[in-house]
Amino acid sequence: MDYARQVLEGKISDSRLFFFHRQAGDKHKLDTKESIREAVIEASGPVAEWSDIDGIVDQWNDPTADRAYLERVWLNRLVRASEKAFDMELWNELAIEGFTPPEGDLITLGFDGARWRDATAVVATHVESGYQWLAGLWEKPANIDEWEVPEGEVNAVVDELFRRWNVWRMYCDPPYWETQVATWAGKYGDQVVVEWWTNRLRAMAFAIKSFDNAIHARELSHDGNRDLTRHIGNAMRKYLNILDENAARLWVIYKERTDSPFKIDGAMAAILSWEARQDALASGMATGGSVYDTRGIITI
């Protein structure tokens, strides 16, 4: 499947490959017998006509059953839908096609990624509307061992964003990009390009909570970009022993396994961009004022 996805995305050329896969969609929550039955039928396809669907569904009634195993075997899911960080059905509903924020409008940026493996992403957010779009994404090809994110391309995307729009803040996770982040700060101002370390669990968990709340409140919209949606969908939820103000456990996002080819850097960049947008609103930028105008270097 990993290989087939690379072919589908044009990252590997293989005209001889035939790959067929069907699975139960994320809309099936598996919390009732009816939803389990619908999921099994969807994953089974034509085979459902001569399968013992009731017998398969009854396996979920066994309190000792390995539900993750049942999902893999009968629903063809790579991971449990309950582990997915975000509601992908709702995320897809928030897509808006054909919208481009007017040039000169206030935006915020999020930057996250590795340099020699995985992926690097830049996501922009229109402060006024909450509209997000994937401004740049660079992913390590599956069939190349030695690879590095093309720094020149990243610089070109960042420069274009600053040229076309009024960037209030660019929150950057600095590991592997410390020199470049410092260079951007020198070019665009150290009050604009800000280090935002994602390894601070409490801060990251609250930023993710804000992003997730915005999705459910439909305050956030996006361009429907397939790659950004893929990264959002790849994000898994990991609960922390940290509680919010309502005594609910906070959580962060992670890949479904350490060496997974399913990247989440676009999701991290989107979260950072949204966090910057929330800070812009809190600072009064929506009405033209800012408490940051008189502040010095910011490291978050």
C-alpha atoms as a PDB file:
ATOM      1  CA  MET A   1       0.000   0.000   0.000  1.00  0.00           C
ATOM      2  CA  ASP A   2       2.844   2.392   0.837  1.00  0.00           C
ATOM      3  CA  TYR A   3       4.335   1.745  -2.599  1.00  0.00           C
ATOM      4  CA  ALA A   4       0.988   2.109  -4.375  1.00  0.00           C
ATOM      5  CA  ARG A   5       0.362   5.484  -2.747  1.00  0.00           C
ATOM      6  CA  GLN A   6       3.711   6.731  -3.999  1.00  0.00           C
ATOM      7  CA  VAL A   7       2.776   5.611  -7.527  1.00  0.00           C
ATOM      8  CA  LEU A   8      -0.628   7.281  -7.235  1.00  0.00           C
ATOM      9  CA  GLU A   9       0.970  10.561  -6.194  1.00  0.00           C
ATOM     10  CA  GLY A  10       3.420  10.424  -9.099  1.00  0.00           C
ATOM     11  CA  LYS A  11       6.471  10.035  -6.896  1.00  0.00           C
ATOM     12  CA  ILE A  12       7.265   6.596  -8.359  1.00  0.00           C
ATOM     13  CA  SER A  13       6.742   5.588 -11.988  1.00  0.00           C
ATOM     14  CA  ASP A  14       5.443   2.028 -12.358  1.00  0.00           C
ATOM     15  CA  SER A  15       3.014   1.429 -15.225  1.00  0.00           C
ATOM     16  CA  ARG A  16       2.813  -2.299 -14.430  1.00  0.00           C
ATOM     17  CA  LEU A  17       1.392  -1.924 -10.939  1.00  0.00           C
ATOM     18  CA  PHE A  18      -2.224  -2.886 -10.329  1.00  0.00           C
ATOM     19  CA  PHE A  19      -3.353  -2.211  -6.772  1.00  0.00           C
ATOM     20  CA  PHE A  20      -6.876  -2.638  -5.455  1.00  0.00           C
ATOM     21  CA  HIS A  21      -7.906  -1.834  -1.911  1.00  0.00           C
ATOM     22  CA  ARG A  22     -11.185  -1.068  -0.187  1.00  0.00           C
ATOM     23  CA  GLN A  23     -11.816  -0.322   3.458  1.00  0.00           C
ATOM     24  CA  ALA A  24     -14.503   0.973   5.767  1.00  0.00           C
ATOM     25  CA  GLY A  25     -14.651   4.768   5.761  1.00  0.00           C
ATOM     26  CA  ASP A  26     -13.914   6.898   8.810  1.00  0.00           C
ATOM     27  CA  LYS A  27     -17.601   7.838   9.110  1.00  0.00           C
ATOM     28  CA  HIS A  28     -18.255   4.455  10.752  1.00  0.00           C
ATOM     29  CA  LYS A  29     -17.643   4.973  14.479  1.00  0.00           C
ATOM     30  CA  LEU A  30     -18.208   1.300  15.426  1.00  0.00           C
ATOM     31  CA  ASP A  31     -20.176   2.281  18.525  1.00  0.00           C
ATOM     32  CA  THR A  32     -23.327   0.375  17.571  1.00  0.00           C
ATOM     33  CA  LYS A  33     -24.083  -2.957  15.942  1.00  0.00           C
ATOM     34  CA  GLU A  34     -25.628  -1.145  12.993  1.00  0.00           C
ATOM     35  CA  SER A  35     -22.524   0.982  12.378  1.00  0.00           C
ATOM     36  CA  ILE A  36     -20.286  -2.095  12.584  1.00  0.00           C
ATOM     37  CA  ARG A  37     -22.489  -3.918  10.102  1.00  0.00           C
ATOM     38  CA  GLU A  38     -22.408  -0.993   7.665  1.00  0.00           C
ATOM     39  CA  ALA A  39     -18.606  -0.828   7.971  1.00  0.00           C
ATOM     40  CA  VAL A  40     -18.181  -4.547   7.302  1.00  0.00           C
ATOM     41  CA  ILE A  41     -20.439  -4.393   4.251  1.00  0.00           C
ATOM     42  CA  GLU A  42     -18.594  -1.373   2.861  1.00  0.00           C
ATOM     43  CA  ALA A  43     -15.200  -3.006   3.340  1.00  0.00           C
ATOM     44  CA  SER A  44     -16.422  -6.322   1.881  1.00  0.00           C
ATOM     45  CA  GLY A  45     -17.863  -4.910  -1.323  1.00  0.00           C
ATOM     46  CA  PRO A  46     -19.383  -7.557  -3.663  1.00  0.00           C
ATOM     47  CA  VAL A  47     -18.026 -10.303  -1.387  1.00  0.00           C
ATOM     48  CA  ALA A  48     -20.687  -9.306   1.171  1.00  0.00           C
ATOM     49  CA  GLU A  49     -23.301 -11.128  -0.918  1.00  0.00           C
ATOM     50  CA  TRP A  50     -21.943 -14.542   0.070  1.00  0.00           C
ATOM     51  CA  SER A  51     -20.255 -13.630   3.391  1.00  0.00           C
ATOM     52  CA  ASP A  52     -21.580 -14.332   6.858  1.00  0.00           C
ATOM     53  CA  ILE A  53     -21.947 -10.653   7.729  1.00  0.00           C
ATOM     54  CA  ASP A  54     -23.932 -11.330  10.915  1.00  0.00           C
ATOM     55  CA  GLY A  55     -21.291 -13.775  12.106  1.00  0.00           C
ATOM     56  CA  ILE A  56     -18.549 -11.225  11.485  1.00  0.00           C
ATOM     57  CA  VAL A  57     -20.452  -8.476  13.307  1.00  0.00           C
ATOM     58  CA  ASP A  58     -21.097 -10.762  16.279  1.00  0.00           C
ATOM     59  CA  GLN A  59     -17.333 -11.034  16.857  1.00  0.00           C
ATOM     60  CA  TRP A  60     -17.429  -7.470  18.213  1.00  0.00           C
ATOM     61  CA  ASN A  61     -19.723  -8.658  21.034  1.00  0.00           C
ATOM     62  CA  ASP A  62     -16.962 -10.737  22.604  1.00  0.00           C
ATOM     63  CA  PRO A  63     -15.583  -8.606  25.485  1.00  0.00           C
ATOM     64  CA  THR A  64     -12.203 -10.329  25.125  1.00  0.00           C
ATOM     65  CA  ALA A  65     -11.959  -9.643  21.380  1.00  0.00           C
ATOM     66  CA  ASP A  66      -9.032  -7.676  19.994  1.00  0.00           C
ATOM     67  CA  ARG A  67     -11.002  -4.901  18.313  1.00  0.00           C
ATOM     68  CA  ALA A  68      -7.936  -3.556  16.528  1.00  0.00           C
ATOM     69  CA  TYR A  69      -7.431  -7.009  15.000  1.00  0.00           C
ATOM     70  CA  LEU A  70     -11.069  -7.148  13.896  1.00  0.00           C
ATOM     71  CA  GLU A  71     -10.740  -3.760  12.231  1.00  0.00           C
ATOM     72  CA  ARG A  72      -7.639  -4.825  10.348  1.00  0.00           C
ATOM     73  CA  VAL A  73      -9.115  -8.150   9.247  1.00  0.00           C
ATOM     74  CA  TRP A  74     -12.729  -7.254   8.460  1.00  0.00           C
ATOM     75  CA  LEU A  75     -12.605  -3.506   7.811  1.00  0.00           C
ATOM     76  CA  ASN A  76      -9.193  -3.378   6.088  1.00  0.00           C
ATOM     77  CA  ARG A  77      -8.178  -0.363   8.162  1.00  0.00           C
ATOM     78  CA  LEU A  78      -4.498   0.326   8.704  1.00  0.00           C
ATOM     79  CA  VAL A  79      -5.182   1.989  12.055  1.00  0.00           C
ATOM     80  CA  ARG A  80      -8.184   2.358  14.298  1.00  0.00           C
ATOM     81  CA  ALA A  81     -10.393   5.295  13.361  1.00  0.00           C
ATOM     82  CA  SER A  82     -10.732   6.110  17.047  1.00  0.00           C
ATOM     83  CA  GLU A  83      -7.008   6.892  17.136  1.00  0.00           C
ATOM     84  CA  LYS A  84      -7.256   9.476  14.392  1.00  0.00           C
ATOM     85  CA  ALA A  85      -6.618  12.919  15.800  1.00  0.00           C
ATOM     86  CA  PHE A  86      -9.190  14.823  13.787  1.00  0.00           C
ATOM     87  CA  ASP A  87     -12.689  14.283  12.410  1.00  0.00           C
ATOM     88  CA  MET A  88     -11.873  13.823   8.726  1.00  0.00           C
ATOM     89  CA  GLU A  89     -15.485  13.773   7.598  1.00  0.00           C
ATOM     90  CA  LEU A  90     -15.963  17.206   9.125  1.00  0.00           C
ATOM     91  CA  TRP A  91     -12.580  18.400   7.834  1.00  0.00           C
ATOM     92  CA  ASN A  92     -13.616  17.538   4.284  1.00  0.00           C
ATOM     93  CA  GLU A  93     -16.848  19.474   4.708  1.00  0.00           C
ATOM     94  CA  LEU A  94     -14.850  22.613   5.517  1.00  0.00           C
ATOM     95  CA  ALA A  95     -13.147  22.742   2.112  1.00  0.00           C
ATOM     96  CA  ILE A  96     -13.754  25.852   0.006  1.00  0.00           C
ATOM     97  CA  GLU A  97     -12.726  25.802  -3.634  1.00  0.00           C
ATOM     98  CA  GLY A  98     -11.719  28.794  -5.680  1.00  0.00           C
ATOM     99  CA  PHE A  99     -10.972  31.224  -2.841  1.00  0.00           C
ATOM    100  CA  THR A 100      -7.725  33.173  -2.621  1.00  0.00           C
ATOM    101  CA  PRO A 101      -7.287  35.786   0.126  1.00  0.00           C
ATOM    102  CA  PRO A 102      -6.813  39.254  -1.385  1.00  0.00           C
ATOM    103  CA  GLU A 103      -3.182  40.247  -1.722  1.00  0.00           C
ATOM    104  CA  GLY A 104      -2.061  42.509   1.083  1.00  0.00           C
ATOM    105  CA  ASP A 105      -4.450  40.941   3.601  1.00  0.00           C
ATOM    106  CA  LEU A 106      -3.177  39.874   6.998  1.00  0.00           C
ATOM    107  CA  ILE A 107      -2.080  36.228   7.197  1.00  0.00           C
ATOM    108  CA  THR A 108      -0.114  33.971   9.534  1.00  0.00           C
ATOM    109  CA  LEU A 109       2.261  31.136   8.652  1.00  0.00           C
ATOM    110  CA  GLY A 110       3.214  27.818  10.211  1.00  0.00           C
ATOM    111  CA  PHE A 111       6.449  26.009   9.363  1.00  0.00           C
ATOM    112  CA  ASP A 112       7.369  22.476  10.414  1.00  0.00           C
ATOM    113  CA  GLY A 113       9.460  19.620   9.135  1.00  0.00           C
ATOM    114  CA  ALA A 114      12.657  17.662   8.916  1.00  0.00           C
ATOM    115  CA  ARG A 115      15.489  18.418   6.544  1.00  0.00           C
ATOM    116  CA  TRP A 116      16.805  15.053   5.344  1.00  0.00           C
ATOM    117  CA  ARG A 117      13.835  12.728   5.898  1.00  0.00           C
ATOM    118  CA  ASP A 118      10.077  12.829   6.271  1.00  0.00           C
ATOM    119  CA  ALA A 119       8.650  16.125   5.009  1.00  0.00           C
ATOM    120  CA  THR A 120       8.637  19.898   5.437  1.00  0.00           C
ATOM    121  CA  ALA A 121       5.545  22.069   5.105  1.00  0.00           C
ATOM    122  CA  VAL A 122       4.418  25.695   5.119  1.00  0.00           C
ATOM    123  CA  VAL A 123       0.745  26.451   5.813  1.00  0.00           C
ATOM    124  CA  ALA A 124      -0.847  29.906   5.621  1.00  0.00           C
ATOM    125  CA  THR A 125      -3.967  31.177   7.401  1.00  0.00           C
ATOM    126  CA  HIS A 126      -6.051  34.201   6.435  1.00  0.00           C
ATOM    127  CA  VAL A 127      -6.570  36.049   9.717  1.00  0.00           C
ATOM    128  CA  GLU A 128      -9.919  37.596   8.837  1.00  0.00           C
ATOM    129  CA  SER A 129     -11.680  34.448   7.607  1.00  0.00           C
ATOM    130  CA  GLY A 130      -9.766  31.562   9.201  1.00  0.00           C
ATOM    131  CA  TYR A 131      -9.106  30.074   5.747  1.00  0.00           C
ATOM    132  CA  GLN A 132      -6.000  27.868   5.496  1.00  0.00           C
ATOM    133  CA  TRP A 133      -4.020  26.697   2.503  1.00  0.00           C
ATOM    134  CA  LEU A 134      -0.944  24.590   1.902  1.00  0.00           C
ATOM    135  CA  ALA A 135       1.670  27.022   0.622  1.00  0.00           C
ATOM    136  CA  GLY A 136       4.489  24.507   0.258  1.00  0.00           C
ATOM    137  CA  LEU A 137       5.233  20.829   0.863  1.00  0.00           C
ATOM    138  CA  TRP A 138       8.409  18.843   0.278  1.00  0.00           C
ATOM    139  CA  GLU A 139       8.391  15.084   0.962  1.00  0.00           C
ATOM    140  CA  LYS A 140      11.183  12.539   0.759  1.00  0.00           C
ATOM    141  CA  PRO A 141      10.568  10.244  -2.234  1.00  0.00           C
ATOM    142  CA  ALA A 142      10.134   6.596  -1.272  1.00  0.00           C
ATOM    143  CA  ASN A 143      12.696   5.315  -3.763  1.00  0.00           C
ATOM    144  CA  ILE A 144      15.568   7.661  -2.795  1.00  0.00           C
ATOM    145  CA  ASP A 145      17.910   7.019   0.123  1.00  0.00           C
ATOM    146  CA  GLU A 146      19.899  10.258   0.159  1.00  0.00           C
ATOM    147  CA  TRP A 147      17.664  13.333  -0.015  1.00  0.00           C
ATOM    148  CA  GLU A 148      17.462  16.834   1.396  1.00  0.00           C
ATOM    149  CA  VAL A 149      14.674  19.384   1.326  1.00  0.00           C
ATOM    150  CA  PRO A 150      15.538  21.917  -1.410  1.00  0.00           C
ATOM    151  CA  GLU A 151      16.277  24.976   0.693  1.00  0.00           C
ATOM    152  CA  GLY A 152      16.075  27.301  -2.281  1.00  0.00           C
ATOM    153  CA  GLU A 153      12.518  26.226  -3.030  1.00  0.00           C
ATOM    154  CA  VAL A 154      11.492  26.727   0.592  1.00  0.00           C
ATOM    155  CA  ASN A 155      13.003  30.218   0.594  1.00  0.00           C
ATOM    156  CA  ALA A 156      11.208  31.050  -2.642  1.00  0.00           C
ATOM    157  CA  VAL A 157       7.824  30.036  -1.186  1.00  0.00           C
ATOM    158  CA  VAL A 158       8.415  32.019   2.017  1.00  0.00           C
ATOM    159  CA  ASP A 159       9.567  35.089   0.073  1.00  0.00           C
ATOM    160  CA  GLU A 160       6.495  34.908  -2.173  1.00  0.00           C
ATOM    161  CA  LEU A 161       4.159  34.735   0.830  1.00  0.00           C
ATOM    162  CA  PHE A 162       5.776  37.782   2.399  1.00  0.00           C
ATOM    163  CA  ARG A 163       5.662  39.620  -0.936  1.00  0.00           C
ATOM    164  CA  ARG A 164       1.983  38.983  -1.659  1.00  0.00           C
ATOM    165  CA  TRP A 165       0.467  39.237   1.815  1.00  0.00           C
ATOM    166  CA  ASN A 166       0.965  41.032   5.098  1.00  0.00           C
ATOM    167  CA  VAL A 167       2.449  38.315   7.327  1.00  0.00           C
ATOM    168  CA  TRP A 168       1.740  39.064  10.983  1.00  0.00           C
ATOM    169  CA  ARG A 169       3.605  36.070  12.444  1.00  0.00           C
ATOM    170  CA  MET A 170       5.380  33.022  11.128  1.00  0.00           C
ATOM    171  CA  TYR A 171       5.617  30.342  13.820  1.00  0.00           C
ATOM    172  CA  CYS A 172       8.470  27.947  13.070  1.00  0.00           C
ATOM    173  CA  ASP A 173       9.473  24.701  14.748  1.00  0.00           C
ATOM    174  CA  PRO A 174      13.245  25.285  14.539  1.00  0.00           C
ATOM    175  CA  PRO A 175      14.965  21.850  14.820  1.00  0.00           C
ATOM    176  CA  TYR A 176      17.095  21.167  11.701  1.00  0.00           C
ATOM    177  CA  TRP A 177      16.198  24.638  10.392  1.00  0.00           C
ATOM    178  CA  GLU A 178      17.764  26.863  13.062  1.00  0.00           C
ATOM    179  CA  THR A 179      19.999  28.779  10.636  1.00  0.00           C
ATOM    180  CA  GLN A 180      17.246  29.330   8.106  1.00  0.00           C
ATOM    181  CA  VAL A 181      14.743  30.450  10.744  1.00  0.00           C
ATOM    182  CA  ALA A 182      17.331  32.922  12.013  1.00  0.00           C
ATOM    183  CA  THR A 183      17.906  34.129   8.447  1.00  0.00           C
ATOM    184  CA  TRP A 184      14.177  34.714   7.938  1.00  0.00           C
ATOM    185  CA  ALA A 185      14.044  36.565  11.259  1.00  0.00           C
ATOM    186  CA  GLY A 186      16.898  38.780  10.116  1.00  0.00           C
ATOM    187  CA  LYS A 187      15.150  39.452   6.805  1.00  0.00           C
ATOM    188  CA  TYR A 188      11.573  39.943   7.962  1.00  0.00           C
ATOM    189  CA  GLY A 189      12.027  40.861  11.611  1.00  0.00           C
ATOM    190  CA  ASP A 190      12.508  38.857  14.785  1.00  0.00           C
ATOM    191  CA  GLN A 191       9.073  39.970  15.960  1.00  0.00           C
ATOM    192  CA  VAL A 192       7.529  38.399  12.852  1.00  0.00           C
ATOM    193  CA  VAL A 193       9.457  35.143  12.439  1.00  0.00           C
ATOM    194  CA  VAL A 194       9.121  33.386  15.787  1.00  0.00           C
ATOM    195  CA  GLU A 195      10.547  30.126  17.127  1.00  0.00           C
ATOM    196  CA  TRP A 196       7.702  27.898  18.337  1.00  0.00           C
ATOM    197  CA  TRP A 197       9.007  24.634  19.797  1.00  0.00           C
ATOM    198  CA  THR A 198       6.525  21.796  19.277  1.00  0.00           C
ATOM    199  CA  ASN A 199       8.299  19.530  21.793  1.00  0.00           C
ATOM    200  CA  ARG A 200       6.706  21.469  24.686  1.00  0.00           C
ATOM    201  CA  LEU A 201       3.866  19.070  25.386  1.00  0.00           C
ATOM    202  CA  ARG A 202       1.564  21.338  27.350  1.00  0.00           C
ATOM    203  CA  ALA A 203       1.813  24.258  24.928  1.00  0.00           C
ATOM    204  CA  MET A 204       1.479  21.929  21.944  1.00  0.00           C
ATOM    205  CA  ALA A 205      -1.549  20.166  23.440  1.00  0.00           C
ATOM    206  CA  PHE A 206      -3.395  23.447  23.980  1.00  0.00           C
ATOM    207  CA  ALA A 207      -2.533  24.589  20.436  1.00  0.00           C
ATOM    208  CA  ILE A 208      -3.928  21.305  19.076  1.00  0.00           C
ATOM    209  CA  LYS A 209      -7.026  21.682  21.230  1.00  0.00           C
ATOM    210  CA  SER A 210      -7.616  25.141  19.755  1.00  0.00           C
ATOM    211  CA  PHE A 211      -7.182  23.772  16.215  1.00  0.00           C
ATOM    212  CA  ASP A 212      -9.524  20.848  16.876  1.00  0.00           C
ATOM    213  CA  ASN A 213     -12.116  23.126  18.482  1.00  0.00           C
ATOM    214  CA  ALA A 214     -11.981  25.381  15.433  1.00  0.00           C
ATOM    215  CA  ILE A 215     -12.744  22.432  13.167  1.00  0.00           C
ATOM    216  CA  HIS A 216     -15.748  21.377  15.231  1.00  0.00           C
ATOM    217  CA  ALA A 217     -16.993  24.963  15.548  1.00  0.00           C
ATOM    218  CA  ARG A 218     -16.526  25.410  11.779  1.00  0.00           C
ATOM    219  CA  GLU A 219     -14.413  28.490  12.415  1.00  0.00           C
ATOM    220  CA  LEU A 220     -11.691  27.065  10.179  1.00  0.00           C
ATOM    221  CA  SER A 221     -11.887  26.452   6.444  1.00  0.00           C
ATOM    222  CA  HIS A 222      -9.295  25.283   3.930  1.00  0.00           C
ATOM    223  CA  ASP A 223      -8.534  24.884   0.249  1.00  0.00           C
ATOM    224  CA  GLY A 224      -9.267  21.151   0.089  1.00  0.00           C
ATOM    225  CA  ASN A 225      -5.670  20.414  -0.884  1.00  0.00           C
ATOM    226  CA  ARG A 226      -5.220  16.668  -1.152  1.00  0.00           C
ATOM    227  CA  ASP A 227      -1.771  16.625   0.439  1.00  0.00           C
ATOM    228  CA  LEU A 228      -2.763  18.767   3.410  1.00  0.00           C
ATOM    229  CA  THR A 229      -5.841  16.592   3.940  1.00  0.00           C
ATOM    230  CA  ARG A 230      -3.640  13.499   3.783  1.00  0.00           C
ATOM    231  CA  HIS A 231      -1.331  14.862   6.482  1.00  0.00           C
ATOM    232  CA  ILE A 232      -4.277  15.870   8.683  1.00  0.00           C
ATOM    233  CA  GLY A 233      -5.734  12.388   8.249  1.00  0.00           C
ATOM    234  CA  ASN A 234      -2.425  10.698   9.040  1.00  0.00           C
ATOM    235  CA  ALA A 235      -2.239  12.332  12.479  1.00  0.00           C
ATOM    236  CA  MET A 236      -2.896   9.982  15.380  1.00  0.00           C
ATOM    237  CA  ARG A 237      -3.992  11.019  18.871  1.00  0.00           C
ATOM    238  CA  LYS A 238      -1.830  10.393  21.949  1.00  0.00           C
ATOM    239  CA  TYR A 239      -3.265  11.304  25.333  1.00  0.00           C
ATOM    240  CA  LEU A 240      -1.118  12.961  27.990  1.00  0.00           C
ATOM    241  CA  ASN A 241      -1.295  12.995  31.760  1.00  0.00           C
ATOM    242  CA  ILE A 242      -2.092  16.693  31.537  1.00  0.00           C
ATOM    243  CA  LEU A 243      -5.579  18.067  32.177  1.00  0.00           C
ATOM    244  CA  ASP A 244      -7.259  21.142  30.765  1.00  0.00           C
ATOM    245  CA  GLU A 245      -9.403  23.613  32.704  1.00  0.00           C
ATOM    246  CA  ASN A 246     -12.313  21.149  32.566  1.00  0.00           C
ATOM    247  CA  ALA A 247     -10.241  18.261  33.929  1.00  0.00           C
ATOM    248  CA  ALA A 248     -10.207  16.575  30.504  1.00  0.00           C
ATOM    249  CA  ARG A 249      -7.011  14.894  29.309  1.00  0.00           C
ATOM    250  CA  LEU A 250      -5.080  16.796  26.704  1.00  0.00           C
ATOM    251  CA  TRP A 251      -3.471  15.098  23.718  1.00  0.00           C
ATOM    252  CA  VAL A 252      -0.841  15.593  21.048  1.00  0.00           C
ATOM    253  CA  ILE A 253      -0.477  14.159  17.549  1.00  0.00           C
ATOM    254  CA  TYR A 254       1.984  11.588  16.282  1.00  0.00           C
ATOM    255  CA  LYS A 255       2.568   9.247  13.354  1.00  0.00           C
ATOM    256  CA  GLU A 256       0.991   5.785  13.472  1.00  0.00           C
ATOM    257  CA  ARG A 257       4.493   4.338  13.845  1.00  0.00           C
ATOM    258  CA  THR A 258       7.969   5.830  14.086  1.00  0.00           C
ATOM    259  CA  ASP A 259       9.067   4.737  10.614  1.00  0.00           C
ATOM    260  CA  SER A 260       5.684   5.367   9.023  1.00  0.00           C
ATOM    261  CA  PRO A 261       5.655   6.780   5.483  1.00  0.00           C
ATOM    262  CA  PHE A 262       2.434   8.604   6.371  1.00  0.00           C
ATOM    263  CA  LYS A 263       3.635  12.115   7.151  1.00  0.00           C
ATOM    264  CA  ILE A 264       2.015  14.643   9.486  1.00  0.00           C
ATOM    265  CA  ASP A 265       4.273  17.687   9.010  1.00  0.00           C
ATOM    266  CA  GLY A 266       1.524  19.475   7.094  1.00  0.00           C
ATOM    267  CA  ALA A 267      -0.791  18.997  10.064  1.00  0.00           C
ATOM    268  CA  MET A 268       1.804  20.424  12.448  1.00  0.00           C
ATOM    269  CA  ALA A 269       2.342  23.427  10.182  1.00  0.00           C
ATOM    270  CA  ALA A 270      -1.430  23.986  10.015  1.00  0.00           C
ATOM    271  CA  ILE A 271      -1.668  23.914  13.813  1.00  0.00           C
ATOM    272  CA  LEU A 272       1.180  26.426  14.184  1.00  0.00           C
ATOM    273  CA  SER A 273      -0.373  28.698  11.562  1.00  0.00           C
ATOM    274  CA  TRP A 274      -3.725  28.532  13.361  1.00  0.00           C
ATOM    275  CA  GLU A 275      -2.085  29.241  16.715  1.00  0.00           C
ATOM    276  CA  ALA A 276      -0.480  32.339  15.198  1.00  0.00           C
ATOM    277  CA  ARG A 277      -3.876  33.405  13.854  1.00  0.00           C
ATOM    278  CA  GLN A 278      -5.438  33.031  17.303  1.00  0.00           C
ATOM    279  CA  ASP A 279      -2.657  35.145  18.792  1.00  0.00           C
ATOM    280  CA  ALA A 280      -3.264  37.751  16.093  1.00  0.00           C
ATOM    281  CA  LEU A 281      -6.927  37.957  17.043  1.00  0.00           C
ATOM    282  CA  ALA A 282      -6.103  38.094  20.758  1.00  0.00           C
ATOM    283  CA  SER A 283      -3.646  40.936  20.158  1.00  0.00           C
ATOM    284  CA  GLY A 284      -6.276  43.051  18.469  1.00  0.00           C
ATOM    285  CA  MET A 285      -5.049  42.681  14.911  1.00  0.00           C
ATOM    286  CA  ALA A 286      -8.600  42.058  13.686  1.00  0.00           C
ATOM    287  CA  THR A 287      -9.376  45.653  14.637  1.00  0.00           C
ATOM    288  CA  GLY A 288      -6.014  47.064  13.653  1.00  0.00           C
ATOM    289  CA  GLY A 289      -4.296  47.243  17.041  1.00  0.00           C
ATOM    290  CA  SER A 290      -1.450  45.114  18.387  1.00  0.00           C
ATOM    291  CA  VAL A 291       0.197  44.748  21.762  1.00  0.00           C
ATOM    292  CA  TYR A 292       3.199  43.204  20.004  1.00  0.00           C
ATOM    293  CA  ASP A 293       4.230  46.341  18.181  1.00  0.00           C
ATOM    294  CA  THR A 294       6.354  47.514  21.101  1.00  0.00           C
ATOM    295  CA  ARG A 295       7.705  44.117  22.165  1.00  0.00           C
ATOM    296  CA  GLY A 296      11.141  42.753  21.505  1.00  0.00           C
ATOM    297  CA  ILE A 297      12.336  39.334  20.396  1.00  0.00           C
ATOM    298  CA  ILE A 298       9.754  36.610  20.920  1.00  0.00           C
ATOM    299  CA  THR A 299      10.630  32.964  21.547  1.00  0.00           C
ATOM    300  CA  ILE A 300       7.699  30.664  22.222  1.00  0.00           C
END
